[in-house]
């Protein structure tokens, strides 16, 4: 059976997320134009050109962030804020690379719940629909608040279920 566009792009988001070096969670995002002819992807991770931890220590290729990121090194309940992490979220990486004129009216697919800060940027990106996977482990992101906000901004929000 032929998969829907939602299933196709969410699958791509999941695969792209596997590129992340984050020890806590690998998340991917895909932005598709309204006609599904233009696609841009992103995943959570440090900015391009960032080699390793602050202080200049260069880490071998393939090293994940647990060895230097205070947030990842803390195995507790993620009490440290995102401000302790140099990584950029998947949806922001995708938006940063996108040609805005081509994503207006399109859809962003995120393989996890969109957080509050990313929600503000997504709402301003030009997309008209957000498809996100929301799981119990996403509760620290307060997805209900972000979904309400996105809807108040006029976006359609679809909570993707497998």
N, C-alpha and C. Protein backbone atom coordinates (compact mmCIF):
# COMPACT_ATOMS: atom_id res chain seq x y z
N UNK A 1 0.84 -1.17 0.00
CA UNK A 1 0.00 0.00 0.00
C UNK A 1 0.89 1.25 0.00
N UNK A 2 0.51 2.24 -0.76
CA UNK A 2 1.28 3.46 -0.90
C UNK A 2 1.14 4.32 0.36
N UNK A 3 2.27 4.73 0.97
CA UNK A 3 2.18 5.53 2.19
C UNK A 3 1.69 6.95 1.90
N UNK A 4 1.03 7.54 2.87
CA UNK A 4 0.58 8.94 2.76
C UNK A 4 1.82 9.84 2.81
N UNK A 5 1.63 11.12 2.44
CA UNK A 5 2.74 12.07 2.57
C UNK A 5 3.14 12.22 4.03
N UNK A 6 2.18 12.24 4.95
CA UNK A 6 2.52 12.34 6.36
C UNK A 6 3.41 11.18 6.80
N UNK A 7 3.05 9.97 6.40
CA UNK A 7 3.86 8.80 6.77
C UNK A 7 5.23 8.86 6.10
N UNK A 8 5.27 9.31 4.86
CA UNK A 8 6.54 9.39 4.13
C UNK A 8 7.48 10.38 4.79
N UNK A 9 7.01 11.62 5.00
CA UNK A 9 7.90 12.65 5.54
C UNK A 9 8.24 12.41 7.00
N UNK A 10 7.32 11.83 7.77
CA UNK A 10 7.66 11.51 9.16
C UNK A 10 8.73 10.41 9.19
N UNK A 11 8.63 9.46 8.28
CA UNK A 11 9.67 8.43 8.18
C UNK A 11 11.02 9.03 7.84
N UNK A 12 11.03 10.00 6.92
CA UNK A 12 12.28 10.68 6.58
C UNK A 12 12.81 11.44 7.80
N UNK A 13 11.93 12.11 8.53
CA UNK A 13 12.35 12.84 9.73
C UNK A 13 13.01 11.90 10.74
N UNK A 14 12.46 10.73 10.91
CA UNK A 14 13.03 9.76 11.84
C UNK A 14 14.41 9.31 11.38
N UNK A 15 14.56 9.06 10.09
CA UNK A 15 15.84 8.61 9.55
C UNK A 15 16.88 9.73 9.67
N UNK A 16 16.50 10.95 9.31
CA UNK A 16 17.42 12.08 9.39
C UNK A 16 17.86 12.32 10.84
N UNK A 17 16.95 12.11 11.77
CA UNK A 17 17.29 12.28 13.18
C UNK A 17 18.41 11.37 13.64
N UNK A 18 18.58 10.24 12.99
CA UNK A 18 19.65 9.31 13.36
C UNK A 18 21.04 9.91 13.14
N UNK A 19 21.14 11.01 12.40
CA UNK A 19 22.42 11.70 12.18
C UNK A 19 22.87 12.48 13.41
N UNK A 20 21.98 12.73 14.33
CA UNK A 20 22.30 13.53 15.51
C UNK A 20 23.35 12.85 16.38
N UNK A 21 24.22 13.67 16.98
CA UNK A 21 25.21 13.15 17.92
C UNK A 21 24.74 13.30 19.37
N UNK A 22 23.50 13.71 19.56
CA UNK A 22 22.98 13.91 20.91
C UNK A 22 22.76 12.56 21.59
N UNK A 23 23.22 12.46 22.84
CA UNK A 23 23.04 11.23 23.61
C UNK A 23 21.64 11.10 24.20
N UNK A 24 20.95 12.23 24.38
CA UNK A 24 19.63 12.18 24.99
C UNK A 24 18.56 11.73 24.00
N UNK A 25 18.63 12.29 22.79
CA UNK A 25 17.60 11.96 21.82
C UNK A 25 18.00 12.44 20.44
N UNK A 26 17.77 11.65 19.45
CA UNK A 26 18.04 12.00 18.07
C UNK A 26 16.70 12.36 17.42
N UNK A 27 16.59 13.63 16.99
CA UNK A 27 15.33 14.12 16.44
C UNK A 27 15.58 14.72 15.07
N UNK A 28 14.72 14.38 14.14
CA UNK A 28 14.80 14.94 12.79
C UNK A 28 13.56 15.75 12.47
N UNK A 29 13.71 16.63 11.49
CA UNK A 29 12.59 17.43 11.01
C UNK A 29 12.67 17.53 9.50
N UNK A 30 11.53 17.59 8.87
CA UNK A 30 11.43 17.75 7.42
C UNK A 30 10.42 18.86 7.16
N UNK A 31 10.77 19.78 6.28
CA UNK A 31 9.81 20.78 5.82
C UNK A 31 9.53 20.47 4.35
N UNK A 32 8.27 20.29 4.03
CA UNK A 32 7.85 20.02 2.66
C UNK A 32 6.99 21.18 2.17
N UNK A 33 7.22 21.58 0.93
CA UNK A 33 6.40 22.63 0.34
C UNK A 33 4.96 22.13 0.21
N UNK A 34 4.06 23.04 -0.07
CA UNK A 34 2.63 22.69 -0.14
C UNK A 34 2.36 21.59 -1.16
N UNK A 35 3.18 21.53 -2.22
CA UNK A 35 2.97 20.50 -3.24
C UNK A 35 3.95 19.33 -3.12
N UNK A 36 4.69 19.28 -2.01
CA UNK A 36 5.65 18.21 -1.73
C UNK A 36 6.77 18.12 -2.76
N UNK A 37 7.07 19.22 -3.46
CA UNK A 37 8.13 19.20 -4.46
C UNK A 37 9.46 19.76 -3.94
N UNK A 38 9.43 20.45 -2.83
CA UNK A 38 10.64 21.01 -2.23
C UNK A 38 10.71 20.52 -0.81
N UNK A 39 11.85 19.98 -0.43
CA UNK A 39 12.01 19.42 0.91
C UNK A 39 13.35 19.87 1.48
N UNK A 40 13.34 20.24 2.74
CA UNK A 40 14.57 20.55 3.46
C UNK A 40 14.51 19.80 4.79
N UNK A 41 15.67 19.33 5.25
CA UNK A 41 15.71 18.53 6.46
C UNK A 41 16.65 19.16 7.49
N UNK A 42 16.47 18.77 8.73
CA UNK A 42 17.36 19.18 9.81
C UNK A 42 17.30 18.15 10.91
N UNK A 43 18.31 18.16 11.75
CA UNK A 43 18.32 17.30 12.93
C UNK A 43 18.98 18.06 14.06
N UNK A 44 18.75 17.62 15.28
CA UNK A 44 19.32 18.32 16.42
C UNK A 44 20.82 18.06 16.51
N UNK A 45 21.54 19.14 16.76
CA UNK A 45 22.98 19.02 16.87
C UNK A 45 23.64 20.38 16.94
N UNK A 46 24.95 20.38 17.20
CA UNK A 46 25.67 21.64 17.30
C UNK A 46 25.71 22.36 15.95
N UNK A 47 25.93 23.66 15.97
CA UNK A 47 26.03 24.42 14.72
C UNK A 47 27.16 23.90 13.84
N UNK A 48 27.03 24.11 12.54
CA UNK A 48 28.07 23.71 11.59
C UNK A 48 29.40 24.32 12.01
N UNK A 49 30.45 23.55 11.94
CA UNK A 49 31.77 24.02 12.28
C UNK A 49 32.14 23.86 13.74
N UNK A 50 31.18 23.51 14.58
CA UNK A 50 31.47 23.31 16.00
C UNK A 50 32.15 21.96 16.16
N UNK A 51 33.40 21.96 16.63
CA UNK A 51 34.19 20.73 16.70
C UNK A 51 34.04 19.96 17.99
N UNK A 52 33.70 20.62 19.05
CA UNK A 52 33.66 19.92 20.32
C UNK A 52 33.33 20.87 21.44
N UNK A 53 33.71 20.51 22.61
CA UNK A 53 33.31 21.27 23.78
C UNK A 53 33.98 22.63 23.85
N UNK A 54 33.39 23.53 24.60
CA UNK A 54 34.05 24.81 24.85
C UNK A 54 35.44 24.57 25.44
N UNK A 55 36.37 25.40 25.10
CA UNK A 55 37.72 25.23 25.58
C UNK A 55 38.66 24.67 24.54
N UNK A 56 38.13 24.29 23.39
CA UNK A 56 38.96 23.91 22.27
C UNK A 56 39.36 22.46 22.18
N UNK A 57 38.91 21.61 23.10
CA UNK A 57 39.25 20.20 23.02
C UNK A 57 38.59 19.60 21.79
N UNK A 58 39.38 19.06 20.89
CA UNK A 58 38.84 18.46 19.67
C UNK A 58 38.56 16.98 19.95
N UNK A 59 37.35 16.58 19.67
CA UNK A 59 36.95 15.20 19.93
C UNK A 59 37.01 14.38 18.64
N UNK A 60 37.28 13.11 18.74
CA UNK A 60 37.31 12.26 17.55
C UNK A 60 35.94 12.22 16.87
N UNK A 61 35.96 12.01 15.56
CA UNK A 61 34.71 11.88 14.81
C UNK A 61 33.86 10.79 15.44
N UNK A 62 32.57 11.03 15.50
CA UNK A 62 31.65 10.05 16.05
C UNK A 62 31.44 10.17 17.54
N UNK A 63 32.20 11.04 18.20
CA UNK A 63 32.02 11.24 19.64
C UNK A 63 30.68 11.94 19.86
N UNK A 64 29.93 11.43 20.80
CA UNK A 64 28.65 12.03 21.11
C UNK A 64 28.81 13.07 22.20
N UNK A 65 27.73 13.73 22.54
CA UNK A 65 27.82 14.90 23.41
C UNK A 65 27.94 14.58 24.90
N UNK A 66 27.68 13.38 25.33
CA UNK A 66 27.69 13.07 26.76
C UNK A 66 29.05 13.38 27.41
N UNK A 67 30.10 13.34 26.63
CA UNK A 67 31.43 13.57 27.19
C UNK A 67 31.71 15.03 27.51
N UNK A 68 30.89 15.96 27.03
CA UNK A 68 31.16 17.37 27.30
C UNK A 68 29.92 18.23 27.52
N UNK A 69 28.74 17.77 27.20
CA UNK A 69 27.53 18.58 27.37
C UNK A 69 26.96 18.37 28.78
N UNK A 70 26.86 19.43 29.60
CA UNK A 70 26.35 19.26 30.97
C UNK A 70 24.94 18.69 31.00
N UNK A 71 24.13 19.03 30.04
CA UNK A 71 22.75 18.55 30.03
C UNK A 71 22.70 17.06 29.73
N UNK A 72 23.49 16.61 28.76
CA UNK A 72 23.50 15.19 28.40
C UNK A 72 24.19 14.36 29.47
N UNK A 73 25.19 14.92 30.11
CA UNK A 73 25.93 14.18 31.14
C UNK A 73 25.08 13.93 32.37
N UNK A 74 24.06 14.76 32.57
CA UNK A 74 23.18 14.59 33.71
C UNK A 74 22.14 13.54 33.35
N UNK A 75 22.19 12.41 34.00
CA UNK A 75 21.27 11.33 33.70
C UNK A 75 19.94 11.48 34.44
N UNK A 76 19.81 12.52 35.22
CA UNK A 76 18.58 12.70 36.00
C UNK A 76 17.42 13.07 35.07
N UNK A 77 16.56 13.92 35.51
CA UNK A 77 15.34 14.21 34.78
C UNK A 77 15.44 15.48 33.94
N UNK A 78 16.56 15.69 33.30
CA UNK A 78 16.75 16.83 32.41
C UNK A 78 16.43 18.15 33.10
N UNK A 79 16.91 18.29 34.32
CA UNK A 79 16.61 19.50 35.06
C UNK A 79 17.39 20.70 34.54
N UNK A 80 18.49 20.44 33.84
CA UNK A 80 19.23 21.55 33.26
C UNK A 80 18.48 22.07 32.03
N UNK A 81 18.48 23.35 31.84
CA UNK A 81 17.75 23.92 30.73
C UNK A 81 18.51 23.73 29.43
N UNK A 82 17.82 23.98 28.32
CA UNK A 82 18.45 23.90 27.01
C UNK A 82 19.57 24.92 26.88
N UNK A 83 19.58 25.95 27.71
CA UNK A 83 20.63 26.96 27.61
C UNK A 83 22.00 26.39 27.94
N UNK A 84 22.06 25.21 28.52
CA UNK A 84 23.33 24.55 28.81
C UNK A 84 23.83 23.71 27.65
N UNK A 85 23.12 23.71 26.55
CA UNK A 85 23.43 22.84 25.42
C UNK A 85 23.71 23.69 24.18
N UNK A 86 24.76 23.35 23.44
CA UNK A 86 25.08 24.11 22.23
C UNK A 86 24.27 23.67 21.03
N UNK A 87 23.56 22.57 21.15
CA UNK A 87 22.82 22.05 20.01
C UNK A 87 21.62 22.92 19.63
N UNK A 88 21.34 22.88 18.36
CA UNK A 88 20.18 23.56 17.78
C UNK A 88 19.14 22.47 17.51
N UNK A 89 17.89 22.75 17.81
CA UNK A 89 16.84 21.76 17.59
C UNK A 89 16.61 21.51 16.10
N UNK A 90 16.10 20.34 15.80
CA UNK A 90 15.93 19.88 14.42
C UNK A 90 15.11 20.85 13.58
N UNK A 91 13.98 21.32 14.13
CA UNK A 91 13.12 22.19 13.35
C UNK A 91 13.78 23.52 13.04
N UNK A 92 14.61 24.02 13.97
CA UNK A 92 15.33 25.27 13.72
C UNK A 92 16.41 25.08 12.68
N UNK A 93 17.10 23.95 12.71
CA UNK A 93 18.10 23.67 11.68
C UNK A 93 17.45 23.59 10.30
N UNK A 94 16.29 22.97 10.21
CA UNK A 94 15.59 22.88 8.92
C UNK A 94 15.15 24.27 8.45
N UNK A 95 14.56 25.05 9.33
CA UNK A 95 14.09 26.39 8.97
C UNK A 95 15.27 27.27 8.54
N UNK A 96 16.39 27.15 9.22
CA UNK A 96 17.57 27.96 8.89
C UNK A 96 18.08 27.68 7.48
N UNK A 97 17.88 26.47 7.00
CA UNK A 97 18.36 26.09 5.67
C UNK A 97 17.31 26.28 4.57
N UNK A 98 16.08 26.56 4.95
CA UNK A 98 14.98 26.59 3.99
C UNK A 98 14.92 27.89 3.20
N UNK A 99 14.44 27.79 1.98
CA UNK A 99 14.09 28.95 1.16
C UNK A 99 12.66 29.29 1.54
N UNK A 100 12.47 30.39 2.27
CA UNK A 100 11.15 30.73 2.81
C UNK A 100 10.09 30.79 1.73
N UNK A 101 10.44 31.29 0.57
CA UNK A 101 9.45 31.42 -0.50
C UNK A 101 8.91 30.07 -0.94
N UNK A 102 9.66 29.01 -0.67
CA UNK A 102 9.23 27.68 -1.09
C UNK A 102 8.51 26.89 0.00
N UNK A 103 8.60 27.36 1.26
CA UNK A 103 7.93 26.62 2.33
C UNK A 103 6.63 27.28 2.77
N UNK A 104 6.33 28.47 2.26
CA UNK A 104 5.08 29.14 2.63
C UNK A 104 3.91 28.23 2.27
N UNK A 105 3.06 27.97 3.26
CA UNK A 105 1.92 27.09 3.06
C UNK A 105 2.26 25.62 3.16
N UNK A 106 3.51 25.30 3.43
CA UNK A 106 3.94 23.91 3.52
C UNK A 106 3.72 23.32 4.90
N UNK A 107 4.38 22.20 5.11
CA UNK A 107 4.22 21.44 6.35
C UNK A 107 5.58 21.10 6.92
N UNK A 108 5.72 21.25 8.23
CA UNK A 108 6.92 20.77 8.93
C UNK A 108 6.54 19.51 9.69
N UNK A 109 7.37 18.50 9.53
CA UNK A 109 7.22 17.22 10.22
C UNK A 109 8.35 17.10 11.23
N UNK A 110 8.00 16.87 12.48
CA UNK A 110 9.00 16.77 13.54
C UNK A 110 8.79 15.45 14.26
N UNK A 111 9.87 14.70 14.43
CA UNK A 111 9.77 13.36 15.01
C UNK A 111 9.64 13.37 16.53
N UNK A 112 9.35 14.53 17.10
CA UNK A 112 9.11 14.66 18.54
C UNK A 112 8.23 15.90 18.74
N UNK A 113 7.82 16.13 19.97
CA UNK A 113 7.01 17.31 20.26
C UNK A 113 7.85 18.57 20.08
N UNK A 114 7.26 19.56 19.45
CA UNK A 114 7.93 20.85 19.27
C UNK A 114 7.92 21.58 20.61
N UNK A 115 9.08 22.08 21.02
CA UNK A 115 9.15 22.82 22.28
C UNK A 115 8.63 24.24 22.08
N UNK A 116 8.45 24.95 23.19
CA UNK A 116 7.90 26.31 23.18
C UNK A 116 8.73 27.26 22.31
N UNK A 117 10.05 27.28 22.52
CA UNK A 117 10.89 28.21 21.77
C UNK A 117 10.88 27.90 20.27
N UNK A 118 10.94 26.65 19.92
CA UNK A 118 10.88 26.29 18.50
C UNK A 118 9.50 26.59 17.93
N UNK A 119 8.47 26.44 18.74
CA UNK A 119 7.12 26.74 18.28
C UNK A 119 6.99 28.17 17.81
N UNK A 120 7.65 29.09 18.50
CA UNK A 120 7.58 30.51 18.10
C UNK A 120 8.22 30.71 16.73
N UNK A 121 9.33 30.05 16.48
CA UNK A 121 10.00 30.18 15.18
C UNK A 121 9.20 29.47 14.09
N UNK A 122 8.68 28.29 14.40
CA UNK A 122 7.85 27.57 13.43
C UNK A 122 6.64 28.42 13.04
N UNK A 123 6.02 29.07 14.03
CA UNK A 123 4.84 29.90 13.75
C UNK A 123 5.18 31.05 12.81
N UNK A 124 6.42 31.48 12.83
CA UNK A 124 6.85 32.61 12.01
C UNK A 124 7.52 32.19 10.70
N UNK A 125 7.62 30.90 10.46
CA UNK A 125 8.40 30.38 9.33
C UNK A 125 7.70 30.44 7.98
N UNK A 126 6.38 30.49 8.00
CA UNK A 126 5.62 30.46 6.75
C UNK A 126 4.89 29.16 6.49
N UNK A 127 5.22 28.11 7.24
CA UNK A 127 4.48 26.86 7.07
C UNK A 127 3.07 27.04 7.61
N UNK A 128 2.16 26.24 7.14
CA UNK A 128 0.78 26.35 7.62
C UNK A 128 0.35 25.15 8.45
N UNK A 129 1.16 24.08 8.41
CA UNK A 129 0.81 22.86 9.13
C UNK A 129 2.03 22.32 9.86
N UNK A 130 1.79 21.81 11.06
CA UNK A 130 2.83 21.16 11.86
C UNK A 130 2.34 19.75 12.15
N UNK A 131 3.16 18.77 11.79
CA UNK A 131 2.88 17.38 12.14
C UNK A 131 3.99 16.96 13.08
N UNK A 132 3.62 16.59 14.29
CA UNK A 132 4.63 16.21 15.29
C UNK A 132 4.22 14.95 16.01
N UNK A 133 5.23 14.19 16.35
CA UNK A 133 5.00 13.01 17.19
C UNK A 133 5.10 13.47 18.64
N UNK A 134 4.12 13.12 19.44
CA UNK A 134 4.14 13.48 20.86
C UNK A 134 4.09 12.19 21.66
N UNK A 135 5.11 11.99 22.48
CA UNK A 135 5.21 10.81 23.32
C UNK A 135 5.28 11.23 24.78
N UNK A 136 5.09 10.28 25.66
CA UNK A 136 5.14 10.57 27.09
C UNK A 136 6.48 11.21 27.49
N UNK A 137 7.55 10.78 26.87
CA UNK A 137 8.87 11.31 27.21
C UNK A 137 9.05 12.77 26.77
N UNK A 138 8.08 13.33 26.05
CA UNK A 138 8.13 14.73 25.61
C UNK A 138 7.44 15.68 26.59
N UNK A 139 6.93 15.17 27.69
CA UNK A 139 6.17 16.03 28.60
C UNK A 139 6.96 17.22 29.13
N UNK A 140 8.28 17.08 29.25
CA UNK A 140 9.10 18.21 29.73
C UNK A 140 9.06 19.38 28.75
N UNK A 141 8.62 19.14 27.53
CA UNK A 141 8.49 20.20 26.52
C UNK A 141 7.14 20.89 26.57
N UNK A 142 6.24 20.39 27.39
CA UNK A 142 4.89 20.94 27.52
C UNK A 142 4.22 21.08 26.15
N UNK A 143 4.03 19.96 25.45
CA UNK A 143 3.50 20.02 24.08
C UNK A 143 2.11 20.64 23.99
N UNK A 144 1.27 20.47 24.99
CA UNK A 144 -0.08 21.04 24.93
C UNK A 144 -0.01 22.56 24.81
N UNK A 145 0.89 23.17 25.56
CA UNK A 145 1.05 24.62 25.50
C UNK A 145 1.51 25.06 24.11
N UNK A 146 2.47 24.35 23.55
CA UNK A 146 2.98 24.70 22.22
C UNK A 146 1.91 24.48 21.16
N UNK A 147 1.18 23.39 21.25
CA UNK A 147 0.12 23.13 20.28
C UNK A 147 -0.94 24.23 20.33
N UNK A 148 -1.36 24.60 21.53
CA UNK A 148 -2.34 25.69 21.67
C UNK A 148 -1.81 26.98 21.03
N UNK A 149 -0.56 27.29 21.29
CA UNK A 149 0.06 28.50 20.74
C UNK A 149 0.08 28.46 19.21
N UNK A 150 0.53 27.34 18.65
CA UNK A 150 0.60 27.21 17.20
C UNK A 150 -0.79 27.38 16.57
N UNK A 151 -1.78 26.79 17.20
CA UNK A 151 -3.16 26.93 16.70
C UNK A 151 -3.64 28.37 16.82
N UNK A 152 -3.29 29.06 17.91
CA UNK A 152 -3.65 30.47 18.06
C UNK A 152 -3.01 31.31 16.95
N UNK A 153 -1.86 30.87 16.47
CA UNK A 153 -1.16 31.57 15.38
C UNK A 153 -1.72 31.20 14.00
N UNK A 154 -2.72 30.35 13.98
CA UNK A 154 -3.37 30.00 12.72
C UNK A 154 -2.82 28.78 12.02
N UNK A 155 -1.93 28.04 12.65
CA UNK A 155 -1.39 26.84 12.03
C UNK A 155 -2.26 25.64 12.38
N UNK A 156 -2.32 24.70 11.46
CA UNK A 156 -2.97 23.42 11.74
C UNK A 156 -1.92 22.53 12.40
N UNK A 157 -2.30 21.85 13.46
CA UNK A 157 -1.38 20.96 14.15
C UNK A 157 -1.97 19.56 14.15
N UNK A 158 -1.14 18.62 13.72
CA UNK A 158 -1.53 17.23 13.71
C UNK A 158 -0.57 16.46 14.61
N UNK A 159 -1.11 15.79 15.60
CA UNK A 159 -0.29 14.93 16.44
C UNK A 159 -0.25 13.58 15.74
N UNK A 160 0.93 13.22 15.32
CA UNK A 160 1.13 12.03 14.50
C UNK A 160 1.16 10.79 15.37
N UNK A 161 0.40 9.82 14.99
CA UNK A 161 0.37 8.54 15.70
C UNK A 161 0.71 7.44 14.72
N UNK A 162 1.55 6.54 15.17
CA UNK A 162 1.95 5.43 14.29
C UNK A 162 0.96 4.31 14.37
